[in-house]
Amino acid sequence: MKKILLLCLLSPFCSSSESLLWIGYNQNSSDFFGDGSSEINPDGILIGWSTEISENWALTLSYGDYKGDVSTTIFENNQVSLVNQGNTSSNAVSVSLNWLADDYGLSFSYSQIDNEENSLTRLPLVEEQVIGDDQVLSFSYDSIVDLQSWIFGWSIGTQFSQSSVNVHDVVGADNPIIIDAQFESENISAFIDLDFSFPIKKTNYILTPMFTLSWATDISSSGDELVTVIRGDQRQTFTQLNDRLSTTFRTPDSGFWEVAIEIEWDNGWGTTLAYGKSIAADTDTDSFLLDLSVAF
């Protein structure tokens, strides 16, 4: 979202408009069971709207919904086939308020994230449900520098997150063991984003290759920092803010990089194609995004 507002500051087409509306398709890839052979690809739609509410203030609303499932055969012969299964779903609602000047700005944002993971593993037999709830509040200072042939943007800020996770396990078939656990945590982290853009102006459009690098570091944590989930004979750390679904919400002591190409037409329409990857995260995640926007 911050990148869209940054580009609006730079683009002659968008900067003369009062609102921006976009819809996008997002797909993420990661290893669900942690065994190197169970890739899950949750995907879904992201929609958003940004508008000027005064000369220097802009309001942005967005919503994303993602779902994915995976099935992995772990044993098979003529009589028996054992399959591990998993699925994940998430939705996020975000609102942000941005104060924009000529070459810098201030951003305030709040997000509510609900997610759920279900898994069934056969060796040993474990059925697990993980339900998570996050509230994320962030503040940042954003700046851009126009270097004629390319543009450098940077942001530095802090994020406060409050998380709640419920884990329900059923272990074994005969005389099953049932485990219920509730985890609560809070975290304050600092982050920095670096953006490099190379606008290429044509007759009726602007083509902009972009590269983004982001990193977050832990400042303070309290409560249950680690939530361990069972994936057969694997034990994994469940970190909701990097939950295979989005790199928008930052996990402390990790980051991501992204490469993108955007085309902005002089009639206000635009499209973006982006690919990103997590850095030093507990769960490695690849992300693909394609969106369509219109400024009016």
C-alpha atoms as a PDB file:
ATOM      1  CA  MET A   1       0.000   0.000   0.000  1.00  0.00           C
ATOM      2  CA  LYS A   2       2.800   2.385   0.848  1.00  0.00           C
ATOM      3  CA  LYS A   3       4.318   1.785  -2.571  1.00  0.00           C
ATOM      4  CA  ILE A   4       1.055   2.804  -4.272  1.00  0.00           C
ATOM      5  CA  LEU A   5       1.005   6.098  -2.341  1.00  0.00           C
ATOM      6  CA  LEU A   6       4.693   6.647  -3.128  1.00  0.00           C
ATOM      7  CA  LEU A   7       4.035   6.174  -6.835  1.00  0.00           C
ATOM      8  CA  CYS A   8       1.091   8.562  -6.648  1.00  0.00           C
ATOM      9  CA  LEU A   9       3.455  11.231  -5.358  1.00  0.00           C
ATOM     10  CA  LEU A  10       5.737  10.622  -8.329  1.00  0.00           C
ATOM     11  CA  SER A  11       3.278  10.075 -11.158  1.00  0.00           C
ATOM     12  CA  PRO A  12       1.807  13.027 -13.073  1.00  0.00           C
ATOM     13  CA  PHE A  13      -1.251  10.896 -13.893  1.00  0.00           C
ATOM     14  CA  CYS A  14      -2.067   9.780 -10.358  1.00  0.00           C
ATOM     15  CA  SER A  15      -1.066  12.950  -8.521  1.00  0.00           C
ATOM     16  CA  SER A  16      -3.768  14.961 -10.275  1.00  0.00           C
ATOM     17  CA  SER A  17      -6.427  12.453  -9.193  1.00  0.00           C
ATOM     18  CA  GLU A  18      -8.268  12.346  -5.892  1.00  0.00           C
ATOM     19  CA  SER A  19      -8.867   8.582  -5.585  1.00  0.00           C
ATOM     20  CA  LEU A  20      -7.294   5.261  -6.501  1.00  0.00           C
ATOM     21  CA  LEU A  21      -9.162   1.951  -6.740  1.00  0.00           C
ATOM     22  CA  TRP A  22      -7.474  -1.408  -7.263  1.00  0.00           C
ATOM     23  CA  ILE A  23      -8.116  -5.154  -7.340  1.00  0.00           C
ATOM     24  CA  GLY A  24      -5.405  -7.770  -7.343  1.00  0.00           C
ATOM     25  CA  TYR A  25      -4.689 -11.493  -7.401  1.00  0.00           C
ATOM     26  CA  ASN A  26      -2.120 -12.749  -4.889  1.00  0.00           C
ATOM     27  CA  GLN A  27      -0.589 -16.232  -4.553  1.00  0.00           C
ATOM     28  CA  ASN A  28       1.926 -17.384  -1.951  1.00  0.00           C
ATOM     29  CA  SER A  29       3.967 -20.590  -1.786  1.00  0.00           C
ATOM     30  CA  SER A  30       5.547 -22.351   1.195  1.00  0.00           C
ATOM     31  CA  ASP A  31       6.226 -25.810   2.669  1.00  0.00           C
ATOM     32  CA  PHE A  32       3.225 -26.679   4.856  1.00  0.00           C
ATOM     33  CA  PHE A  33       4.510 -29.822   6.603  1.00  0.00           C
ATOM     34  CA  GLY A  34       8.170 -28.806   6.606  1.00  0.00           C
ATOM     35  CA  ASP A  35       9.272 -31.992   4.842  1.00  0.00           C
ATOM     36  CA  GLY A  36      10.392 -30.410   1.582  1.00  0.00           C
ATOM     37  CA  SER A  37       7.627 -32.039  -0.492  1.00  0.00           C
ATOM     38  CA  SER A  38       4.346 -30.425   0.649  1.00  0.00           C
ATOM     39  CA  GLU A  39       4.117 -27.071  -1.085  1.00  0.00           C
ATOM     40  CA  ILE A  40       0.933 -25.131  -0.384  1.00  0.00           C
ATOM     41  CA  ASN A  41      -0.186 -22.226  -2.579  1.00  0.00           C
ATOM     42  CA  PRO A  42      -2.877 -20.139  -0.861  1.00  0.00           C
ATOM     43  CA  ASP A  43      -4.281 -17.515  -3.191  1.00  0.00           C
ATOM     44  CA  GLY A  44      -7.028 -14.948  -3.260  1.00  0.00           C
ATOM     45  CA  ILE A  45      -8.217 -11.467  -4.086  1.00  0.00           C
ATOM     46  CA  LEU A  46      -7.047  -8.154  -2.643  1.00  0.00           C
ATOM     47  CA  ILE A  47      -9.181  -5.046  -3.114  1.00  0.00           C
ATOM     48  CA  GLY A  48      -8.496  -1.506  -1.971  1.00  0.00           C
ATOM     49  CA  TRP A  49      -9.480   2.133  -2.229  1.00  0.00           C
ATOM     50  CA  SER A  50      -7.504   5.283  -1.426  1.00  0.00           C
ATOM     51  CA  THR A  51      -8.810   8.831  -1.508  1.00  0.00           C
ATOM     52  CA  GLU A  52      -7.799  12.361  -0.559  1.00  0.00           C
ATOM     53  CA  ILE A  53      -9.773  13.657   2.417  1.00  0.00           C
ATOM     54  CA  SER A  54      -8.011  17.044   2.431  1.00  0.00           C
ATOM     55  CA  GLU A  55      -5.094  18.736   0.681  1.00  0.00           C
ATOM     56  CA  ASN A  56      -2.424  16.666   2.475  1.00  0.00           C
ATOM     57  CA  TRP A  57      -4.328  13.749   3.964  1.00  0.00           C
ATOM     58  CA  ALA A  58      -5.286  10.444   2.335  1.00  0.00           C
ATOM     59  CA  LEU A  59      -7.404   7.566   3.632  1.00  0.00           C
ATOM     60  CA  THR A  60      -6.871   3.983   2.448  1.00  0.00           C
ATOM     61  CA  LEU A  61      -9.056   0.892   2.982  1.00  0.00           C
ATOM     62  CA  SER A  62      -8.167  -2.635   1.859  1.00  0.00           C
ATOM     63  CA  TYR A  63      -9.387  -6.215   2.231  1.00  0.00           C
ATOM     64  CA  GLY A  64      -7.714  -9.515   1.364  1.00  0.00           C
ATOM     65  CA  ASP A  65      -9.025 -13.091   1.483  1.00  0.00           C
ATOM     66  CA  TYR A  66      -6.825 -16.148   0.854  1.00  0.00           C
ATOM     67  CA  LYS A  67      -7.320 -19.931   0.853  1.00  0.00           C
ATOM     68  CA  GLY A  68      -5.171 -22.939   0.007  1.00  0.00           C
ATOM     69  CA  ASP A  69      -4.853 -26.700   0.591  1.00  0.00           C
ATOM     70  CA  VAL A  70      -2.269 -29.434   0.210  1.00  0.00           C
ATOM     71  CA  SER A  71      -2.315 -33.236   0.057  1.00  0.00           C
ATOM     72  CA  THR A  72       0.849 -35.370   0.291  1.00  0.00           C
ATOM     73  CA  THR A  73       1.080 -39.169  -0.044  1.00  0.00           C
ATOM     74  CA  ILE A  74       3.491 -40.553   2.562  1.00  0.00           C
ATOM     75  CA  PHE A  75       2.920 -44.301   2.006  1.00  0.00           C
ATOM     76  CA  GLU A  76       1.266 -46.290  -0.755  1.00  0.00           C
ATOM     77  CA  ASN A  77       0.978 -49.923  -1.865  1.00  0.00           C
ATOM     78  CA  ASN A  78      -1.668 -52.051  -3.587  1.00  0.00           C
ATOM     79  CA  GLN A  79      -3.946 -52.033  -0.537  1.00  0.00           C
ATOM     80  CA  VAL A  80      -3.205 -48.879   1.451  1.00  0.00           C
ATOM     81  CA  SER A  81      -2.564 -45.218   0.711  1.00  0.00           C
ATOM     82  CA  LEU A  82      -1.697 -42.835   3.555  1.00  0.00           C
ATOM     83  CA  VAL A  83      -2.099 -39.131   2.841  1.00  0.00           C
ATOM     84  CA  ASN A  84      -1.261 -36.074   4.933  1.00  0.00           C
ATOM     85  CA  GLN A  85      -3.677 -33.197   4.362  1.00  0.00           C
ATOM     86  CA  GLY A  86      -3.698 -29.530   5.253  1.00  0.00           C
ATOM     87  CA  ASN A  87      -5.544 -26.318   4.480  1.00  0.00           C
ATOM     88  CA  THR A  88      -5.190 -22.669   5.399  1.00  0.00           C
ATOM     89  CA  SER A  89      -7.375 -19.582   5.133  1.00  0.00           C
ATOM     90  CA  SER A  90      -6.933 -15.959   6.095  1.00  0.00           C
ATOM     91  CA  ASN A  91      -8.614 -12.602   5.721  1.00  0.00           C
ATOM     92  CA  ALA A  92      -7.334  -9.166   6.604  1.00  0.00           C
ATOM     93  CA  VAL A  93      -8.999  -5.750   6.851  1.00  0.00           C
ATOM     94  CA  SER A  94      -6.733  -2.691   6.914  1.00  0.00           C
ATOM     95  CA  VAL A  95      -7.248   1.050   7.267  1.00  0.00           C
ATOM     96  CA  SER A  96      -4.493   3.640   6.999  1.00  0.00           C
ATOM     97  CA  LEU A  97      -4.209   7.399   7.245  1.00  0.00           C
ATOM     98  CA  ASN A  98      -1.401   9.146   5.386  1.00  0.00           C
ATOM     99  CA  TRP A  99      -0.133  12.702   5.600  1.00  0.00           C
ATOM    100  CA  LEU A 100       1.619  13.567   2.328  1.00  0.00           C
ATOM    101  CA  ALA A 101       3.928  16.477   1.487  1.00  0.00           C
ATOM    102  CA  ASP A 102       6.031  17.060  -1.642  1.00  0.00           C
ATOM    103  CA  ASP A 103       8.715  14.480  -0.882  1.00  0.00           C
ATOM    104  CA  TYR A 104       7.848  12.894   2.471  1.00  0.00           C
ATOM    105  CA  GLY A 105       4.910  11.709   4.512  1.00  0.00           C
ATOM    106  CA  LEU A 106       3.642  10.088   7.710  1.00  0.00           C
ATOM    107  CA  SER A 107       1.656   6.846   7.729  1.00  0.00           C
ATOM    108  CA  PHE A 108      -0.646   5.415  10.404  1.00  0.00           C
ATOM    109  CA  SER A 109      -2.277   2.023   9.842  1.00  0.00           C
ATOM    110  CA  TYR A 110      -4.376  -0.593  11.648  1.00  0.00           C
ATOM    111  CA  SER A 111      -5.066  -4.166  10.507  1.00  0.00           C
ATOM    112  CA  GLN A 112      -7.288  -6.968  11.780  1.00  0.00           C
ATOM    113  CA  ILE A 113      -6.148 -10.420  10.625  1.00  0.00           C
ATOM    114  CA  ASP A 114      -8.051 -13.694  11.130  1.00  0.00           C
ATOM    115  CA  ASN A 115      -6.536 -16.971  10.028  1.00  0.00           C
ATOM    116  CA  GLU A 116      -7.039 -20.714  10.406  1.00  0.00           C
ATOM    117  CA  GLU A 117      -4.984 -23.794   9.629  1.00  0.00           C
ATOM    118  CA  ASN A 118      -6.169 -27.415   9.699  1.00  0.00           C
ATOM    119  CA  SER A 119      -3.985 -30.480   9.266  1.00  0.00           C
ATOM    120  CA  LEU A 120      -4.371 -34.266   9.324  1.00  0.00           C
ATOM    121  CA  THR A 121      -1.166 -36.301   9.597  1.00  0.00           C
ATOM    122  CA  ARG A 122      -1.027 -40.107   9.560  1.00  0.00           C
ATOM    123  CA  LEU A 123       2.309 -41.089  11.129  1.00  0.00           C
ATOM    124  CA  PRO A 124       1.564 -40.463  13.941  1.00  0.00           C
ATOM    125  CA  LEU A 125      -2.172 -39.828  13.625  1.00  0.00           C
ATOM    126  CA  VAL A 126      -2.802 -36.194  14.615  1.00  0.00           C
ATOM    127  CA  GLU A 127      -5.700 -33.935  13.690  1.00  0.00           C
ATOM    128  CA  GLU A 128      -4.951 -30.293  14.432  1.00  0.00           C
ATOM    129  CA  GLN A 129      -6.767 -26.971  14.173  1.00  0.00           C
ATOM    130  CA  VAL A 130      -5.021 -23.634  14.727  1.00  0.00           C
ATOM    131  CA  ILE A 131      -7.103 -20.435  14.895  1.00  0.00           C
ATOM    132  CA  GLY A 132      -5.326 -17.092  15.090  1.00  0.00           C
ATOM    133  CA  ASP A 133      -6.354 -13.502  15.598  1.00  0.00           C
ATOM    134  CA  ASP A 134      -4.045 -10.480  15.194  1.00  0.00           C
ATOM    135  CA  GLN A 135      -4.378  -6.742  15.654  1.00  0.00           C
ATOM    136  CA  VAL A 136      -1.530  -4.765  14.114  1.00  0.00           C
ATOM    137  CA  LEU A 137      -0.876  -1.026  14.550  1.00  0.00           C
ATOM    138  CA  SER A 138       2.001   0.725  12.779  1.00  0.00           C
ATOM    139  CA  PHE A 139       3.466   4.191  12.293  1.00  0.00           C
ATOM    140  CA  SER A 140       6.155   5.258   9.818  1.00  0.00           C
ATOM    141  CA  TYR A 141       7.994   8.211   8.338  1.00  0.00           C
ATOM    142  CA  ASP A 142       8.239   7.939   4.528  1.00  0.00           C
ATOM    143  CA  SER A 143      10.497   9.907   2.214  1.00  0.00           C
ATOM    144  CA  ILE A 144      11.414   9.986  -1.482  1.00  0.00           C
ATOM    145  CA  VAL A 145      14.367  11.404  -3.394  1.00  0.00           C
ATOM    146  CA  ASP A 146      14.060  12.131  -7.123  1.00  0.00           C
ATOM    147  CA  LEU A 147      17.443  11.402  -8.718  1.00  0.00           C
ATOM    148  CA  GLN A 148      16.257  12.207 -12.278  1.00  0.00           C
ATOM    149  CA  SER A 149      16.773   8.825 -13.958  1.00  0.00           C
ATOM    150  CA  TRP A 150      15.679   6.844 -10.886  1.00  0.00           C
ATOM    151  CA  ILE A 151      13.883   7.420  -7.594  1.00  0.00           C
ATOM    152  CA  PHE A 152      14.863   6.298  -4.125  1.00  0.00           C
ATOM    153  CA  GLY A 153      12.269   5.938  -1.386  1.00  0.00           C
ATOM    154  CA  TRP A 154      12.667   4.885   2.217  1.00  0.00           C
ATOM    155  CA  SER A 155      10.480   4.358   5.252  1.00  0.00           C
ATOM    156  CA  ILE A 156      11.312   3.843   8.895  1.00  0.00           C
ATOM    157  CA  GLY A 157       8.717   2.983  11.475  1.00  0.00           C
ATOM    158  CA  THR A 158       7.470   0.913  14.359  1.00  0.00           C
ATOM    159  CA  GLN A 159       4.826  -1.813  14.602  1.00  0.00           C
ATOM    160  CA  PHE A 160       2.793  -3.006  17.584  1.00  0.00           C
ATOM    161  CA  SER A 161       1.055  -6.388  17.290  1.00  0.00           C
ATOM    162  CA  GLN A 162      -1.270  -8.237  19.658  1.00  0.00           C
ATOM    163  CA  SER A 163      -1.843 -11.908  18.862  1.00  0.00           C
ATOM    164  CA  SER A 164      -4.090 -14.688  20.115  1.00  0.00           C
ATOM    165  CA  VAL A 165      -3.750 -18.332  19.006  1.00  0.00           C
ATOM    166  CA  ASN A 166      -5.922 -21.341  19.898  1.00  0.00           C
ATOM    167  CA  VAL A 167      -4.503 -24.815  19.180  1.00  0.00           C
ATOM    168  CA  HIS A 168      -6.760 -27.917  19.264  1.00  0.00           C
ATOM    169  CA  ASP A 169      -5.138 -31.357  18.813  1.00  0.00           C
ATOM    170  CA  VAL A 170      -6.621 -34.843  18.670  1.00  0.00           C
ATOM    171  CA  VAL A 171      -3.843 -37.447  18.918  1.00  0.00           C
ATOM    172  CA  GLY A 172      -4.434 -41.133  18.107  1.00  0.00           C
ATOM    173  CA  ALA A 173      -7.508 -43.095  16.994  1.00  0.00           C
ATOM    174  CA  ASP A 174      -8.137 -45.498  19.907  1.00  0.00           C
ATOM    175  CA  ASN A 175      -8.548 -43.630  23.197  1.00  0.00           C
ATOM    176  CA  PRO A 176      -7.479 -40.326  21.580  1.00  0.00           C
ATOM    177  CA  ILE A 177      -5.681 -37.637  23.549  1.00  0.00           C
ATOM    178  CA  ILE A 178      -7.291 -34.207  23.203  1.00  0.00           C
ATOM    179  CA  ILE A 179      -5.172 -31.099  23.764  1.00  0.00           C
ATOM    180  CA  ASP A 180      -6.455 -27.511  23.874  1.00  0.00           C
ATOM    181  CA  ALA A 181      -4.107 -24.585  24.369  1.00  0.00           C
ATOM    182  CA  GLN A 182      -4.517 -20.809  24.219  1.00  0.00           C
ATOM    183  CA  PHE A 183      -1.574 -18.471  23.575  1.00  0.00           C
ATOM    184  CA  GLU A 184      -1.407 -14.679  23.901  1.00  0.00           C
ATOM    185  CA  SER A 185       1.468 -12.401  22.925  1.00  0.00           C
ATOM    186  CA  GLU A 186       2.395  -8.784  22.271  1.00  0.00           C
ATOM    187  CA  ASN A 187       5.287  -7.441  20.262  1.00  0.00           C
ATOM    188  CA  ILE A 188       6.858  -4.087  19.396  1.00  0.00           C
ATOM    189  CA  SER A 189       9.231  -4.009  16.441  1.00  0.00           C
ATOM    190  CA  ALA A 190      11.034  -1.465  14.280  1.00  0.00           C
ATOM    191  CA  PHE A 191      11.243  -1.725  10.503  1.00  0.00           C
ATOM    192  CA  ILE A 192      12.862  -0.112   7.506  1.00  0.00           C
ATOM    193  CA  ASP A 193      11.777  -0.264   3.849  1.00  0.00           C
ATOM    194  CA  LEU A 194      13.953   0.712   0.886  1.00  0.00           C
ATOM    195  CA  ASP A 195      12.383   1.297  -2.567  1.00  0.00           C
ATOM    196  CA  PHE A 196      14.212   1.775  -5.863  1.00  0.00           C
ATOM    197  CA  SER A 197      12.153   2.847  -8.898  1.00  0.00           C
ATOM    198  CA  PHE A 198      13.221   3.544 -12.480  1.00  0.00           C
ATOM    199  CA  PRO A 199      10.416   5.394 -14.358  1.00  0.00           C
ATOM    200  CA  ILE A 200      10.608   5.176 -18.150  1.00  0.00           C
ATOM    201  CA  LYS A 201       8.339   7.793 -19.717  1.00  0.00           C
ATOM    202  CA  LYS A 202       6.659   6.978 -23.030  1.00  0.00           C
ATOM    203  CA  THR A 203       4.152   8.897 -25.133  1.00  0.00           C
ATOM    204  CA  ASN A 204       1.023   7.847 -23.247  1.00  0.00           C
ATOM    205  CA  TYR A 205       2.257   5.719 -20.355  1.00  0.00           C
ATOM    206  CA  ILE A 206       5.016   5.289 -17.771  1.00  0.00           C
ATOM    207  CA  LEU A 207       6.803   1.950 -17.338  1.00  0.00           C
ATOM    208  CA  THR A 208       8.408   1.594 -13.889  1.00  0.00           C
ATOM    209  CA  PRO A 209      10.629  -1.314 -12.788  1.00  0.00           C
ATOM    210  CA  MET A 210      10.876  -1.413  -8.987  1.00  0.00           C
ATOM    211  CA  PHE A 211      12.825  -3.176  -6.264  1.00  0.00           C
ATOM    212  CA  THR A 212      11.919  -3.218  -2.554  1.00  0.00           C
ATOM    213  CA  LEU A 213      13.930  -4.452   0.429  1.00  0.00           C
ATOM    214  CA  SER A 214      12.411  -4.614   3.921  1.00  0.00           C
ATOM    215  CA  TRP A 215      13.621  -5.695   7.356  1.00  0.00           C
ATOM    216  CA  ALA A 216      12.062  -5.706  10.837  1.00  0.00           C
ATOM    217  CA  THR A 217      13.799  -6.161  14.173  1.00  0.00           C
ATOM    218  CA  ASP A 218      12.383  -6.990  17.589  1.00  0.00           C
ATOM    219  CA  ILE A 219      12.271  -4.252  20.246  1.00  0.00           C
ATOM    220  CA  SER A 220      10.081  -5.811  22.927  1.00  0.00           C
ATOM    221  CA  SER A 221       8.060  -9.023  23.300  1.00  0.00           C
ATOM    222  CA  SER A 222       5.813 -10.384  26.041  1.00  0.00           C
ATOM    223  CA  GLY A 223       3.520 -13.352  26.538  1.00  0.00           C
ATOM    224  CA  ASP A 224       3.795 -16.619  24.617  1.00  0.00           C
ATOM    225  CA  GLU A 225       6.432 -15.870  22.006  1.00  0.00           C
ATOM    226  CA  LEU A 226       6.552 -19.366  20.463  1.00  0.00           C
ATOM    227  CA  VAL A 227       3.531 -21.459  19.476  1.00  0.00           C
ATOM    228  CA  THR A 228       4.511 -24.990  18.436  1.00  0.00           C
ATOM    229  CA  VAL A 229       2.211 -26.834  16.033  1.00  0.00           C
ATOM    230  CA  ILE A 230       2.357 -30.527  15.117  1.00  0.00           C
ATOM    231  CA  ARG A 231       2.910 -31.618  11.530  1.00  0.00           C
ATOM    232  CA  GLY A 232       3.274 -35.405  11.823  1.00  0.00           C
ATOM    233  CA  ASP A 233       6.800 -36.056  13.068  1.00  0.00           C
ATOM    234  CA  GLN A 234       7.643 -32.356  12.545  1.00  0.00           C
ATOM    235  CA  ARG A 235       7.304 -29.520  15.059  1.00  0.00           C
ATOM    236  CA  GLN A 236       6.945 -26.042  13.595  1.00  0.00           C
ATOM    237  CA  THR A 237       6.699 -22.549  15.012  1.00  0.00           C
ATOM    238  CA  PHE A 238       3.412 -20.891  14.076  1.00  0.00           C
ATOM    239  CA  THR A 239       4.026 -17.183  13.411  1.00  0.00           C
ATOM    240  CA  GLN A 240       0.813 -15.553  12.252  1.00  0.00           C
ATOM    241  CA  LEU A 241       2.302 -12.345  10.919  1.00  0.00           C
ATOM    242  CA  ASN A 242       4.289 -14.399   8.418  1.00  0.00           C
ATOM    243  CA  ASP A 243       1.697 -17.133   7.960  1.00  0.00           C
ATOM    244  CA  ARG A 244       2.328 -18.101   4.319  1.00  0.00           C
ATOM    245  CA  LEU A 245      -0.399 -15.661   3.291  1.00  0.00           C
ATOM    246  CA  SER A 246       1.113 -12.211   3.089  1.00  0.00           C
ATOM    247  CA  THR A 247       4.357 -10.319   3.540  1.00  0.00           C
ATOM    248  CA  THR A 248       2.460  -7.128   4.302  1.00  0.00           C
ATOM    249  CA  PHE A 249       2.542  -7.769   8.055  1.00  0.00           C
ATOM    250  CA  ARG A 250       6.080  -7.856   9.369  1.00  0.00           C
ATOM    251  CA  THR A 251       7.583 -10.545  11.584  1.00  0.00           C
ATOM    252  CA  PRO A 252      10.424  -9.355  13.840  1.00  0.00           C
ATOM    253  CA  ASP A 253      13.967 -10.391  12.892  1.00  0.00           C
ATOM    254  CA  SER A 254      12.989 -11.195   9.314  1.00  0.00           C
ATOM    255  CA  GLY A 255      12.312  -9.358   6.067  1.00  0.00           C
ATOM    256  CA  PHE A 256      11.491  -9.693   2.394  1.00  0.00           C
ATOM    257  CA  TRP A 257      12.536  -8.493  -1.032  1.00  0.00           C
ATOM    258  CA  GLU A 258      10.309  -7.794  -4.032  1.00  0.00           C
ATOM    259  CA  VAL A 259      10.770  -7.000  -7.704  1.00  0.00           C
ATOM    260  CA  ALA A 260       7.913  -5.437  -9.669  1.00  0.00           C
ATOM    261  CA  ILE A 261       6.981  -3.783 -12.955  1.00  0.00           C
ATOM    262  CA  GLU A 262       4.203  -1.205 -13.111  1.00  0.00           C
ATOM    263  CA  ILE A 263       2.570   0.408 -16.136  1.00  0.00           C
ATOM    264  CA  GLU A 264       0.560   3.641 -15.674  1.00  0.00           C
ATOM    265  CA  TRP A 265      -1.464   4.843 -18.653  1.00  0.00           C
ATOM    266  CA  ASP A 266      -2.329   8.506 -19.158  1.00  0.00           C
ATOM    267  CA  ASN A 267      -6.056   7.681 -18.834  1.00  0.00           C
ATOM    268  CA  GLY A 268      -5.536   6.740 -15.169  1.00  0.00           C
ATOM    269  CA  TRP A 269      -5.429   2.957 -15.545  1.00  0.00           C
ATOM    270  CA  GLY A 270      -2.465   0.954 -14.289  1.00  0.00           C
ATOM    271  CA  THR A 271      -1.270  -2.596 -13.683  1.00  0.00           C
ATOM    272  CA  THR A 272       1.449  -4.125 -11.522  1.00  0.00           C
ATOM    273  CA  LEU A 273       3.225  -7.487 -11.712  1.00  0.00           C
ATOM    274  CA  ALA A 274       5.336  -8.388  -8.653  1.00  0.00           C
ATOM    275  CA  TYR A 275       7.311 -11.285  -7.191  1.00  0.00           C
ATOM    276  CA  GLY A 276       8.678 -11.372  -3.646  1.00  0.00           C
ATOM    277  CA  LYS A 277      10.446 -13.687  -1.224  1.00  0.00           C
ATOM    278  CA  SER A 278      10.883 -13.732   2.553  1.00  0.00           C
ATOM    279  CA  ILE A 279      14.300 -13.321   4.198  1.00  0.00           C
ATOM    280  CA  ALA A 280      15.319 -15.269   7.336  1.00  0.00           C
ATOM    281  CA  ALA A 281      11.684 -16.137   8.180  1.00  0.00           C
ATOM    282  CA  ASP A 282      10.701 -19.270  10.112  1.00  0.00           C
ATOM    283  CA  THR A 283       8.680 -20.334   7.081  1.00  0.00           C
ATOM    284  CA  ASP A 284      10.162 -19.457   3.674  1.00  0.00           C
ATOM    285  CA  THR A 285       7.497 -17.807   1.533  1.00  0.00           C
ATOM    286  CA  ASP A 286       7.322 -16.833  -2.141  1.00  0.00           C
ATOM    287  CA  SER A 287       4.689 -14.329  -3.253  1.00  0.00           C
ATOM    288  CA  PHE A 288       3.210 -13.439  -6.663  1.00  0.00           C
ATOM    289  CA  LEU A 289       0.929 -10.440  -7.268  1.00  0.00           C
ATOM    290  CA  LEU A 290      -0.954  -9.112 -10.282  1.00  0.00           C
ATOM    291  CA  ASP A 291      -3.222  -6.106  -9.870  1.00  0.00           C
ATOM    292  CA  LEU A 292      -5.248  -3.593 -11.876  1.00  0.00           C
ATOM    293  CA  SER A 293      -5.838  -0.032 -10.668  1.00  0.00           C
ATOM    294  CA  VAL A 294      -7.593   3.120 -11.806  1.00  0.00           C
ATOM    295  CA  ALA A 295      -7.066   6.696 -10.626  1.00  0.00           C
ATOM    296  CA  PHE A 296     -10.005   9.098 -10.806  1.00  0.00           C
END
